[in-house]
C-alpha atoms as a PDB file:
ATOM      1  CA  UNK A   1       0.158   0.098  -0.223  1.00  0.00           C
ATOM      2  CA  UNK A   2       1.393   3.465  -0.834  1.00  0.00           C
ATOM      3  CA  UNK A   3       2.120   5.895   1.878  1.00  0.00           C
ATOM      4  CA  UNK A   4      -0.791   8.713   2.800  1.00  0.00           C
ATOM      5  CA  UNK A   5       1.983  11.305   2.667  1.00  0.00           C
ATOM      6  CA  UNK A   6       3.742  10.965  -0.586  1.00  0.00           C
ATOM      7  CA  UNK A   7       3.836   9.050  -4.042  1.00  0.00           C
ATOM      8  CA  UNK A   8       5.758   6.018  -3.827  1.00  0.00           C
ATOM      9  CA  UNK A   9       8.909   5.539  -6.148  1.00  0.00           C
ATOM     10  CA  UNK A  10       8.584   2.968  -8.660  1.00  0.00           C
ATOM     11  CA  UNK A  11      11.595   0.607  -8.910  1.00  0.00           C
ATOM     12  CA  UNK A  12      11.958  -0.091 -12.562  1.00  0.00           C
ATOM     13  CA  UNK A  13      13.588  -3.592 -13.715  1.00  0.00           C
ATOM     14  CA  UNK A  14      16.858  -2.764 -15.693  1.00  0.00           C
ATOM     15  CA  UNK A  15      17.135  -6.249 -17.043  1.00  0.00           C
ATOM     16  CA  UNK A  16      16.016  -6.092 -20.891  1.00  0.00           C
ATOM     17  CA  UNK A  17      17.211  -2.815 -21.817  1.00  0.00           C
ATOM     18  CA  UNK A  18      19.328  -2.808 -25.209  1.00  0.00           C
ATOM     19  CA  UNK A  19      20.843   0.088 -26.882  1.00  0.00           C
ATOM     20  CA  UNK A  20      19.871   0.747 -30.507  1.00  0.00           C
ATOM     21  CA  UNK A  21      20.048   3.877 -33.007  1.00  0.00           C
ATOM     22  CA  UNK A  22      18.492   6.928 -32.154  1.00  0.00           C
ATOM     23  CA  UNK A  23      14.616   6.420 -32.583  1.00  0.00           C
ATOM     24  CA  UNK A  24      14.788   2.450 -32.438  1.00  0.00           C
ATOM     25  CA  UNK A  25      15.521   1.936 -28.594  1.00  0.00           C
ATOM     26  CA  UNK A  26      14.219  -1.470 -27.926  1.00  0.00           C
ATOM     27  CA  UNK A  27      13.033  -2.669 -24.435  1.00  0.00           C
ATOM     28  CA  UNK A  28      12.097  -5.829 -23.475  1.00  0.00           C
ATOM     29  CA  UNK A  29       8.589  -5.254 -22.239  1.00  0.00           C
ATOM     30  CA  UNK A  30       8.388  -8.348 -19.669  1.00  0.00           C
ATOM     31  CA  UNK A  31      11.091  -6.748 -17.943  1.00  0.00           C
ATOM     32  CA  UNK A  32       9.941  -3.217 -17.362  1.00  0.00           C
ATOM     33  CA  UNK A  33       8.153  -1.932 -14.552  1.00  0.00           C
ATOM     34  CA  UNK A  34       4.499  -2.238 -14.915  1.00  0.00           C
ATOM     35  CA  UNK A  35       3.713   1.357 -15.738  1.00  0.00           C
ATOM     36  CA  UNK A  36       6.281   1.389 -18.719  1.00  0.00           C
ATOM     37  CA  UNK A  37       5.023  -1.700 -20.684  1.00  0.00           C
ATOM     38  CA  UNK A  38       2.580   0.512 -22.919  1.00  0.00           C
ATOM     39  CA  UNK A  39       1.551   0.566 -26.781  1.00  0.00           C
ATOM     40  CA  UNK A  40       0.252   3.890 -27.746  1.00  0.00           C
ATOM     41  CA  UNK A  41      -2.310   4.243 -30.592  1.00  0.00           C
ATOM     42  CA  UNK A  42      -1.729   7.692 -31.051  1.00  0.00           C
ATOM     43  CA  UNK A  43       0.693   9.797 -32.957  1.00  0.00           C
ATOM     44  CA  UNK A  44       4.150  10.005 -31.689  1.00  0.00           C
ATOM     45  CA  UNK A  45       5.060  12.608 -29.357  1.00  0.00           C
ATOM     46  CA  UNK A  46       6.042  16.114 -30.826  1.00  0.00           C
ATOM     47  CA  UNK A  47       8.469  18.673 -29.440  1.00  0.00           C
ATOM     48  CA  UNK A  48       6.558  21.297 -27.730  1.00  0.00           C
ATOM     49  CA  UNK A  49       7.380  25.023 -27.785  1.00  0.00           C
ATOM     50  CA  UNK A  50       6.775  27.473 -25.128  1.00  0.00           C
ATOM     51  CA  UNK A  51       6.163  30.131 -27.627  1.00  0.00           C
ATOM     52  CA  UNK A  52       2.812  31.290 -28.025  1.00  0.00           C
ATOM     53  CA  UNK A  53       2.743  30.833 -31.942  1.00  0.00           C
ATOM     54  CA  UNK A  54      -0.129  29.333 -33.510  1.00  0.00           C
ATOM     55  CA  UNK A  55      -0.030  25.360 -33.788  1.00  0.00           C
ATOM     56  CA  UNK A  56      -1.024  23.304 -36.691  1.00  0.00           C
ATOM     57  CA  UNK A  57      -2.930  21.186 -34.474  1.00  0.00           C
ATOM     58  CA  UNK A  58      -5.203  23.882 -33.552  1.00  0.00           C
ATOM     59  CA  UNK A  59      -8.585  23.843 -35.238  1.00  0.00           C
ATOM     60  CA  UNK A  60     -11.210  26.574 -35.817  1.00  0.00           C
ATOM     61  CA  UNK A  61     -12.659  28.153 -32.916  1.00  0.00           C
ATOM     62  CA  UNK A  62     -16.179  26.683 -31.584  1.00  0.00           C
ATOM     63  CA  UNK A  63     -18.509  28.647 -29.465  1.00  0.00           C
ATOM     64  CA  UNK A  64     -18.357  26.411 -26.528  1.00  0.00           C
ATOM     65  CA  UNK A  65     -14.425  25.814 -26.278  1.00  0.00           C
ATOM     66  CA  UNK A  66     -12.702  28.464 -28.546  1.00  0.00           C
ATOM     67  CA  UNK A  67      -9.408  28.419 -26.983  1.00  0.00           C
ATOM     68  CA  UNK A  68      -8.647  24.998 -26.463  1.00  0.00           C
ATOM     69  CA  UNK A  69      -7.614  22.454 -28.971  1.00  0.00           C
ATOM     70  CA  UNK A  70     -10.093  20.475 -30.705  1.00  0.00           C
ATOM     71  CA  UNK A  71     -10.298  16.725 -30.705  1.00  0.00           C
ATOM     72  CA  UNK A  72      -8.732  16.336 -27.174  1.00  0.00           C
ATOM     73  CA  UNK A  73      -8.442  12.608 -27.395  1.00  0.00           C
ATOM     74  CA  UNK A  74      -6.226  10.092 -25.946  1.00  0.00           C
ATOM     75  CA  UNK A  75      -6.165   6.667 -26.878  1.00  0.00           C
ATOM     76  CA  UNK A  76      -3.855   3.887 -25.390  1.00  0.00           C
ATOM     77  CA  UNK A  77      -3.405   0.310 -25.747  1.00  0.00           C
ATOM     78  CA  UNK A  78      -1.213  -1.471 -22.805  1.00  0.00           C
ATOM     79  CA  UNK A  79      -0.378  -5.055 -23.197  1.00  0.00           C
ATOM     80  CA  UNK A  80       1.555  -6.760 -20.182  1.00  0.00           C
ATOM     81  CA  UNK A  81       1.946 -10.300 -19.417  1.00  0.00           C
ATOM     82  CA  UNK A  82      -1.071 -10.292 -16.938  1.00  0.00           C
ATOM     83  CA  UNK A  83      -3.579  -8.100 -18.899  1.00  0.00           C
ATOM     84  CA  UNK A  84      -4.591  -6.557 -22.226  1.00  0.00           C
ATOM     85  CA  UNK A  85      -6.006  -2.992 -21.874  1.00  0.00           C
ATOM     86  CA  UNK A  86      -7.478  -0.306 -24.037  1.00  0.00           C
ATOM     87  CA  UNK A  87      -8.670   2.935 -23.115  1.00  0.00           C
ATOM     88  CA  UNK A  88      -9.805   6.021 -25.124  1.00  0.00           C
ATOM     89  CA  UNK A  89     -11.015   9.359 -23.496  1.00  0.00           C
ATOM     90  CA  UNK A  90     -12.650  12.387 -25.022  1.00  0.00           C
ATOM     91  CA  UNK A  91     -12.250  15.323 -22.832  1.00  0.00           C
ATOM     92  CA  UNK A  92     -14.719  17.248 -24.727  1.00  0.00           C
ATOM     93  CA  UNK A  93     -17.407  14.567 -24.667  1.00  0.00           C
ATOM     94  CA  UNK A  94     -20.916  14.279 -23.427  1.00  0.00           C
ATOM     95  CA  UNK A  95     -20.588  11.829 -20.579  1.00  0.00           C
ATOM     96  CA  UNK A  96     -20.694   8.404 -22.658  1.00  0.00           C
ATOM     97  CA  UNK A  97     -19.573   5.452 -20.336  1.00  0.00           C
ATOM     98  CA  UNK A  98     -18.394   2.238 -22.237  1.00  0.00           C
ATOM     99  CA  UNK A  99     -16.513   0.118 -19.926  1.00  0.00           C
ATOM    100  CA  UNK A 100     -16.022  -3.641 -19.547  1.00  0.00           C
ATOM    101  CA  UNK A 101     -12.990  -4.212 -17.341  1.00  0.00           C
ATOM    102  CA  UNK A 102     -13.849  -7.612 -15.943  1.00  0.00           C
ATOM    103  CA  UNK A 103     -14.295  -5.801 -12.542  1.00  0.00           C
ATOM    104  CA  UNK A 104     -18.142  -4.871 -12.155  1.00  0.00           C
ATOM    105  CA  UNK A 105     -17.395  -2.351  -9.241  1.00  0.00           C
ATOM    106  CA  UNK A 106     -14.580  -0.633 -11.026  1.00  0.00           C
ATOM    107  CA  UNK A 107     -16.970  -0.521 -14.312  1.00  0.00           C
ATOM    108  CA  UNK A 108     -19.397   1.457 -12.084  1.00  0.00           C
ATOM    109  CA  UNK A 109     -17.036   3.989 -10.667  1.00  0.00           C
ATOM    110  CA  UNK A 110     -15.648   4.681 -14.310  1.00  0.00           C
ATOM    111  CA  UNK A 111     -19.359   5.329 -15.110  1.00  0.00           C
ATOM    112  CA  UNK A 112     -19.289   7.781 -12.456  1.00  0.00           C
ATOM    113  CA  UNK A 113     -16.206   9.380 -13.978  1.00  0.00           C
ATOM    114  CA  UNK A 114     -17.650   9.782 -17.387  1.00  0.00           C
ATOM    115  CA  UNK A 115     -20.841  10.870 -16.191  1.00  0.00           C
ATOM    116  CA  UNK A 116     -19.951  13.698 -13.744  1.00  0.00           C
ATOM    117  CA  UNK A 117     -16.871  14.697 -15.687  1.00  0.00           C
ATOM    118  CA  UNK A 118     -18.607  14.994 -19.064  1.00  0.00           C
ATOM    119  CA  UNK A 119     -15.754  12.813 -20.624  1.00  0.00           C
ATOM    120  CA  UNK A 120     -16.563   9.999 -23.051  1.00  0.00           C
ATOM    121  CA  UNK A 121     -14.714   7.037 -21.447  1.00  0.00           C
ATOM    122  CA  UNK A 122     -14.285   3.740 -23.538  1.00  0.00           C
ATOM    123  CA  UNK A 123     -12.270   1.105 -21.425  1.00  0.00           C
ATOM    124  CA  UNK A 124     -11.785  -2.582 -22.388  1.00  0.00           C
ATOM    125  CA  UNK A 125      -9.985  -4.858 -20.323  1.00  0.00           C
ATOM    126  CA  UNK A 126      -8.886  -8.536 -19.878  1.00  0.00           C
ATOM    127  CA  UNK A 127      -6.785  -9.690 -17.221  1.00  0.00           C
ATOM    128  CA  UNK A 128      -5.961 -12.437 -14.509  1.00  0.00           C
ATOM    129  CA  UNK A 129      -8.943 -11.558 -12.398  1.00  0.00           C
ATOM    130  CA  UNK A 130      -9.223 -15.359 -11.484  1.00  0.00           C
ATOM    131  CA  UNK A 131      -6.357 -14.455  -9.264  1.00  0.00           C
ATOM    132  CA  UNK A 132      -7.550 -11.015  -7.982  1.00  0.00           C
ATOM    133  CA  UNK A 133      -8.215  -7.665  -9.386  1.00  0.00           C
ATOM    134  CA  UNK A 134      -5.049  -6.251  -8.761  1.00  0.00           C
ATOM    135  CA  UNK A 135      -3.302  -6.238 -11.902  1.00  0.00           C
ATOM    136  CA  UNK A 136      -6.196  -5.371 -13.741  1.00  0.00           C
ATOM    137  CA  UNK A 137      -7.150  -2.331 -11.494  1.00  0.00           C
ATOM    138  CA  UNK A 138      -3.390  -1.080 -11.765  1.00  0.00           C
ATOM    139  CA  UNK A 139      -2.913  -1.458 -15.638  1.00  0.00           C
ATOM    140  CA  UNK A 140      -6.438   0.206 -16.297  1.00  0.00           C
ATOM    141  CA  UNK A 141      -5.361   3.036 -13.991  1.00  0.00           C
ATOM    142  CA  UNK A 142      -1.816   3.510 -15.708  1.00  0.00           C
ATOM    143  CA  UNK A 143      -3.528   3.575 -19.251  1.00  0.00           C
ATOM    144  CA  UNK A 144      -6.290   5.934 -18.135  1.00  0.00           C
ATOM    145  CA  UNK A 145      -3.436   8.355 -16.721  1.00  0.00           C
ATOM    146  CA  UNK A 146      -1.573   8.213 -19.719  1.00  0.00           C
ATOM    147  CA  UNK A 147      -4.619   8.577 -21.982  1.00  0.00           C
ATOM    148  CA  UNK A 148      -5.363  11.685 -19.990  1.00  0.00           C
ATOM    149  CA  UNK A 149      -1.757  12.783 -20.794  1.00  0.00           C
ATOM    150  CA  UNK A 150      -1.855  12.234 -24.345  1.00  0.00           C
ATOM    151  CA  UNK A 151      -5.615  13.996 -24.604  1.00  0.00           C
ATOM    152  CA  UNK A 152      -4.387  17.253 -22.655  1.00  0.00           C
ATOM    153  CA  UNK A 153      -1.861  17.728 -25.369  1.00  0.00           C
ATOM    154  CA  UNK A 154      -0.239  21.255 -24.941  1.00  0.00           C
ATOM    155  CA  UNK A 155      -2.619  22.101 -22.474  1.00  0.00           C
ATOM    156  CA  UNK A 156      -3.388  25.635 -23.998  1.00  0.00           C
ATOM    157  CA  UNK A 157      -6.273  27.574 -22.167  1.00  0.00           C
ATOM    158  CA  UNK A 158      -6.906  25.148 -19.485  1.00  0.00           C
ATOM    159  CA  UNK A 159      -7.984  26.065 -15.993  1.00  0.00           C
ATOM    160  CA  UNK A 160      -5.172  23.620 -14.812  1.00  0.00           C
ATOM    161  CA  UNK A 161      -6.758  23.357 -11.120  1.00  0.00           C
ATOM    162  CA  UNK A 162      -9.946  21.626 -10.095  1.00  0.00           C
ATOM    163  CA  UNK A 163     -11.474  21.479  -6.517  1.00  0.00           C
ATOM    164  CA  UNK A 164     -14.797  19.852  -5.579  1.00  0.00           C
ATOM    165  CA  UNK A 165     -16.480  18.493  -2.489  1.00  0.00           C
ATOM    166  CA  UNK A 166     -19.424  15.608  -3.605  1.00  0.00           C
ATOM    167  CA  UNK A 167     -21.633  14.344  -0.819  1.00  0.00           C
ATOM    168  CA  UNK A 168     -23.244  11.111  -1.335  1.00  0.00           C
ATOM    169  CA  UNK A 169     -25.875  10.395   1.497  1.00  0.00           C
ATOM    170  CA  UNK A 170     -23.676  10.389   4.693  1.00  0.00           C
ATOM    171  CA  UNK A 171     -20.346  10.480   2.925  1.00  0.00           C
ATOM    172  CA  UNK A 172     -18.557  13.696   2.017  1.00  0.00           C
ATOM    173  CA  UNK A 173     -15.530  13.605   0.025  1.00  0.00           C
ATOM    174  CA  UNK A 174     -13.051  16.764  -0.761  1.00  0.00           C
ATOM    175  CA  UNK A 175     -10.805  16.377  -4.006  1.00  0.00           C
ATOM    176  CA  UNK A 176      -8.296  19.007  -4.999  1.00  0.00           C
ATOM    177  CA  UNK A 177      -5.948  18.614  -8.106  1.00  0.00           C
ATOM    178  CA  UNK A 178      -3.353  20.299 -10.277  1.00  0.00           C
ATOM    179  CA  UNK A 179      -2.387  19.029 -13.771  1.00  0.00           C
ATOM    180  CA  UNK A 180       0.976  20.270 -12.958  1.00  0.00           C
ATOM    181  CA  UNK A 181       3.314  17.532 -14.586  1.00  0.00           C
ATOM    182  CA  UNK A 182       4.492  16.521 -10.891  1.00  0.00           C
ATOM    183  CA  UNK A 183       2.879  13.254  -9.720  1.00  0.00           C
ATOM    184  CA  UNK A 184       1.914  13.118  -6.192  1.00  0.00           C
ATOM    185  CA  UNK A 185      -0.924  11.563  -4.262  1.00  0.00           C
ATOM    186  CA  UNK A 186      -2.452  12.679  -0.828  1.00  0.00           C
ATOM    187  CA  UNK A 187      -5.059  10.170   0.419  1.00  0.00           C
ATOM    188  CA  UNK A 188      -6.671   9.733   3.572  1.00  0.00           C
ATOM    189  CA  UNK A 189      -9.881   7.878   2.926  1.00  0.00           C
ATOM    190  CA  UNK A 190     -10.875   5.415   5.795  1.00  0.00           C
ATOM    191  CA  UNK A 191     -12.953   2.806   4.139  1.00  0.00           C
ATOM    192  CA  UNK A 192     -14.489   0.587   6.957  1.00  0.00           C
ATOM    193  CA  UNK A 193     -14.667  -2.550   5.051  1.00  0.00           C
ATOM    194  CA  UNK A 194     -12.331  -4.661   3.277  1.00  0.00           C
ATOM    195  CA  UNK A 195     -14.521  -5.457   0.207  1.00  0.00           C
ATOM    196  CA  UNK A 196     -17.575  -3.760  -1.742  1.00  0.00           C
ATOM    197  CA  UNK A 197     -18.920  -6.638  -3.206  1.00  0.00           C
ATOM    198  CA  UNK A 198     -15.876  -8.578  -4.786  1.00  0.00           C
ATOM    199  CA  UNK A 199     -13.685  -5.255  -4.915  1.00  0.00           C
ATOM    200  CA  UNK A 200     -10.720  -5.032  -2.626  1.00  0.00           C
ATOM    201  CA  UNK A 201     -11.373  -1.688  -1.098  1.00  0.00           C
ATOM    202  CA  UNK A 202      -7.394  -1.283  -0.736  1.00  0.00           C
ATOM    203  CA  UNK A 203      -7.156  -0.980  -4.646  1.00  0.00           C
ATOM    204  CA  UNK A 204      -9.126   2.279  -4.614  1.00  0.00           C
ATOM    205  CA  UNK A 205      -5.704   4.117  -3.109  1.00  0.00           C
ATOM    206  CA  UNK A 206      -3.664   1.795  -5.804  1.00  0.00           C
ATOM    207  CA  UNK A 207      -5.871   3.108  -8.721  1.00  0.00           C
ATOM    208  CA  UNK A 208      -5.395   6.681  -8.070  1.00  0.00           C
ATOM    209  CA  UNK A 209      -1.688   6.421  -7.149  1.00  0.00           C
ATOM    210  CA  UNK A 210      -1.262   4.487 -10.651  1.00  0.00           C
ATOM    211  CA  UNK A 211      -3.079   7.102 -12.306  1.00  0.00           C
ATOM    212  CA  UNK A 212      -1.374   9.812 -10.859  1.00  0.00           C
ATOM    213  CA  UNK A 213       1.956   8.209 -11.768  1.00  0.00           C
ATOM    214  CA  UNK A 214       1.284   8.176 -15.560  1.00  0.00           C
ATOM    215  CA  UNK A 215      -1.013  11.458 -15.901  1.00  0.00           C
ATOM    216  CA  UNK A 216       1.605  13.687 -14.031  1.00  0.00           C
ATOM    217  CA  UNK A 217      -1.199  15.021 -11.849  1.00  0.00           C
ATOM    218  CA  UNK A 218      -0.976  16.368  -8.145  1.00  0.00           C
ATOM    219  CA  UNK A 219      -4.153  14.758  -6.384  1.00  0.00           C
ATOM    220  CA  UNK A 220      -5.281  15.343  -2.849  1.00  0.00           C
ATOM    221  CA  UNK A 221      -8.255  13.323  -1.593  1.00  0.00           C
ATOM    222  CA  UNK A 222      -9.694  13.962   1.728  1.00  0.00           C
ATOM    223  CA  UNK A 223     -12.533  12.265   3.512  1.00  0.00           C
ATOM    224  CA  UNK A 224     -14.605  14.745   5.656  1.00  0.00           C
ATOM    225  CA  UNK A 225     -17.319  12.238   6.482  1.00  0.00           C
ATOM    226  CA  UNK A 226     -18.542   8.524   5.834  1.00  0.00           C
ATOM    227  CA  UNK A 227     -19.471   5.209   7.117  1.00  0.00           C
ATOM    228  CA  UNK A 228     -20.756   3.311   4.301  1.00  0.00           C
ATOM    229  CA  UNK A 229     -17.921   1.835   2.138  1.00  0.00           C
ATOM    230  CA  UNK A 230     -19.638   2.083  -1.260  1.00  0.00           C
ATOM    231  CA  UNK A 231     -20.933   5.843  -0.501  1.00  0.00           C
ATOM    232  CA  UNK A 232     -17.187   6.948   0.432  1.00  0.00           C
ATOM    233  CA  UNK A 233     -15.698   5.273  -2.878  1.00  0.00           C
ATOM    234  CA  UNK A 234     -18.545   6.340  -5.359  1.00  0.00           C
ATOM    235  CA  UNK A 235     -18.359   9.886  -3.572  1.00  0.00           C
ATOM    236  CA  UNK A 236     -14.680   9.956  -4.304  1.00  0.00           C
ATOM    237  CA  UNK A 237     -15.032   9.198  -7.958  1.00  0.00           C
ATOM    238  CA  UNK A 238     -17.734  11.682  -8.619  1.00  0.00           C
ATOM    239  CA  UNK A 239     -15.640  14.420  -6.863  1.00  0.00           C
ATOM    240  CA  UNK A 240     -12.623  13.325  -8.854  1.00  0.00           C
ATOM    241  CA  UNK A 241     -14.614  13.423 -12.032  1.00  0.00           C
ATOM    242  CA  UNK A 242     -15.863  16.923 -11.322  1.00  0.00           C
ATOM    243  CA  UNK A 243     -12.608  18.314  -9.975  1.00  0.00           C
ATOM    244  CA  UNK A 244     -10.925  16.948 -13.582  1.00  0.00           C
ATOM    245  CA  UNK A 245     -13.467  18.366 -15.534  1.00  0.00           C
ATOM    246  CA  UNK A 246     -13.100  21.905 -13.810  1.00  0.00           C
ATOM    247  CA  UNK A 247      -8.922  21.740 -14.398  1.00  0.00           C
ATOM    248  CA  UNK A 248      -9.476  20.532 -18.040  1.00  0.00           C
ATOM    249  CA  UNK A 249     -12.163  23.274 -19.168  1.00  0.00           C
ATOM    250  CA  UNK A 250     -11.498  26.310 -20.770  1.00  0.00           C
ATOM    251  CA  UNK A 251     -10.282  29.465 -18.879  1.00  0.00           C
ATOM    252  CA  UNK A 252     -11.507  32.439 -21.081  1.00  0.00           C
ATOM    253  CA  UNK A 253      -9.204  34.875 -19.567  1.00  0.00           C
ATOM    254  CA  UNK A 254      -6.217  32.896 -20.355  1.00  0.00           C
ATOM    255  CA  UNK A 255      -6.543  33.710 -23.965  1.00  0.00           C
ATOM    256  CA  UNK A 256      -5.282  30.081 -24.864  1.00  0.00           C
ATOM    257  CA  UNK A 257      -2.054  30.392 -23.406  1.00  0.00           C
ATOM    258  CA  UNK A 258      -0.361  27.431 -21.381  1.00  0.00           C
ATOM    259  CA  UNK A 259      -0.565  27.716 -17.735  1.00  0.00           C
ATOM    260  CA  UNK A 260       2.792  28.630 -16.175  1.00  0.00           C
ATOM    261  CA  UNK A 261       4.525  28.657 -12.636  1.00  0.00           C
ATOM    262  CA  UNK A 262       7.597  30.628 -11.467  1.00  0.00           C
ATOM    263  CA  UNK A 263      10.475  28.923 -10.095  1.00  0.00           C
ATOM    264  CA  UNK A 264      13.115  31.320  -8.509  1.00  0.00           C
ATOM    265  CA  UNK A 265      12.154  34.270 -10.281  1.00  0.00           C
ATOM    266  CA  UNK A 266      12.379  32.606 -13.595  1.00  0.00           C
ATOM    267  CA  UNK A 267       9.073  31.529 -15.539  1.00  0.00           C
ATOM    268  CA  UNK A 268       9.087  27.960 -17.150  1.00  0.00           C
ATOM    269  CA  UNK A 269       6.920  26.430 -19.798  1.00  0.00           C
ATOM    270  CA  UNK A 270       4.411  24.300 -18.093  1.00  0.00           C
ATOM    271  CA  UNK A 271       5.096  21.504 -20.677  1.00  0.00           C
ATOM    272  CA  UNK A 272       9.030  22.116 -20.307  1.00  0.00           C
ATOM    273  CA  UNK A 273       8.610  21.352 -16.605  1.00  0.00           C
ATOM    274  CA  UNK A 274       6.946  17.957 -17.443  1.00  0.00           C
ATOM    275  CA  UNK A 275      10.013  17.137 -19.386  1.00  0.00           C
ATOM    276  CA  UNK A 276      12.355  17.774 -16.374  1.00  0.00           C
ATOM    277  CA  UNK A 277      10.174  16.021 -13.693  1.00  0.00           C
ATOM    278  CA  UNK A 278      10.079  12.780 -16.124  1.00  0.00           C
ATOM    279  CA  UNK A 279      13.851  12.851 -16.823  1.00  0.00           C
ATOM    280  CA  UNK A 280      14.596  13.397 -12.729  1.00  0.00           C
ATOM    281  CA  UNK A 281      12.029  10.579 -12.138  1.00  0.00           C
ATOM    282  CA  UNK A 282      13.715   8.074 -14.268  1.00  0.00           C
ATOM    283  CA  UNK A 283      17.337   9.119 -13.013  1.00  0.00           C
ATOM    284  CA  UNK A 284      16.293   8.518  -9.344  1.00  0.00           C
ATOM    285  CA  UNK A 285      14.525   5.386 -10.379  1.00  0.00           C
ATOM    286  CA  UNK A 286      17.585   3.925 -11.840  1.00  0.00           C
ATOM    287  CA  UNK A 287      19.557   5.142  -8.778  1.00  0.00           C
ATOM    288  CA  UNK A 288      17.583   3.571  -6.409  1.00  0.00           C
ATOM    289  CA  UNK A 289      17.703   0.227  -8.402  1.00  0.00           C
ATOM    290  CA  UNK A 290      21.285   0.389  -8.849  1.00  0.00           C
ATOM    291  CA  UNK A 291      22.109   0.725  -4.998  1.00  0.00           C
ATOM    292  CA  UNK A 292      19.854  -1.991  -4.279  1.00  0.00           C
ATOM    293  CA  UNK A 293      21.304  -4.363  -6.830  1.00  0.00           C
ATOM    294  CA  UNK A 294      24.658  -3.609  -5.499  1.00  0.00           C
ATOM    295  CA  UNK A 295      23.731  -4.072  -1.703  1.00  0.00           C
ATOM    296  CA  UNK A 296      22.568  -7.613  -2.632  1.00  0.00           C
ATOM    297  CA  UNK A 297      25.607  -8.048  -4.635  1.00  0.00           C
ATOM    298  CA  UNK A 298      23.977  -8.659  -8.084  1.00  0.00           C
ATOM    299  CA  UNK A 299      26.244  -6.084  -9.806  1.00  0.00           C
ATOM    300  CA  UNK A 300      29.702  -5.502  -9.743  1.00  0.00           C
ATOM    301  CA  UNK A 301      31.186  -2.456  -7.950  1.00  0.00           C
ATOM    302  CA  UNK A 302      32.761  -0.861 -11.052  1.00  0.00           C
ATOM    303  CA  UNK A 303      28.880   0.085 -11.855  1.00  0.00           C
ATOM    304  CA  UNK A 304      29.273   2.904  -9.127  1.00  0.00           C
ATOM    305  CA  UNK A 305      30.177   5.113 -11.963  1.00  0.00           C
ATOM    306  CA  UNK A 306      26.905   4.698 -13.534  1.00  0.00           C
ATOM    307  CA  UNK A 307      25.332   5.602 -10.336  1.00  0.00           C
ATOM    308  CA  UNK A 308      27.565   8.879 -10.045  1.00  0.00           C
ATOM    309  CA  UNK A 309      26.746   9.997 -13.795  1.00  0.00           C
ATOM    310  CA  UNK A 310      22.842   9.468 -13.088  1.00  0.00           C
ATOM    311  CA  UNK A 311      22.879  11.352  -9.762  1.00  0.00           C
END
């Protein structure tokens, strides 16, 4: 289970990495950490400029969203040894829910995400649910996070922040999020039962942690009241959907610009910081693995130089 105070650092397995010419690097998927085993159906990522010059990807303005890029759709296919997941999300949808995950309670929660976020959410998943729901729950969340990241694109004109408190009978859940590019989960739900139907309630935190890791959002979930497990979890997904809807919607006063933040009196482009955080994340992950492997005598001491370079 993940810590309540910070996001856990994923330890990637380095076995299986091979060097190839630029643009043709290959990685043995079975050796990678689960969150990296992803096959995208979308176009290859393009370099993003901090300049406010017109983009070829921008379409003509529409009355409802004149400053946000059209067709904000993210599509991802994720295949691992345990699961096969496909996700398609339209941020400018009408609330169409079309999910079949093999986990009925999770399907019900994804319906809330679509309905209350007004996103079109299409999820298909098969997995080793005969063992338990852990792998499917995780891989679906990882794929949704990646699809969300792709759908956001350059994030021009969005609010970036979202905040919502949702009641469901006796339950009251507050969700606040920032599409910052810095993955972090703050989570303090106190779900009184171990299961809702056949769904292990420990997987709720794991779902949001996995989604945070690939979407790069900062997410805080706080339980203000609640006694019924189903109500607590459902109110959480509803509050998350509404907060995410706020964050991804158009801010007309922003004039189509990309949200920015200041660091040490220097204004950095939002998307540039995404790259910095991703690079730093992998550097820290690789160093962690090297230290662990060396401490167990699995790597020669000569590899300390790699650790020095990566640190």
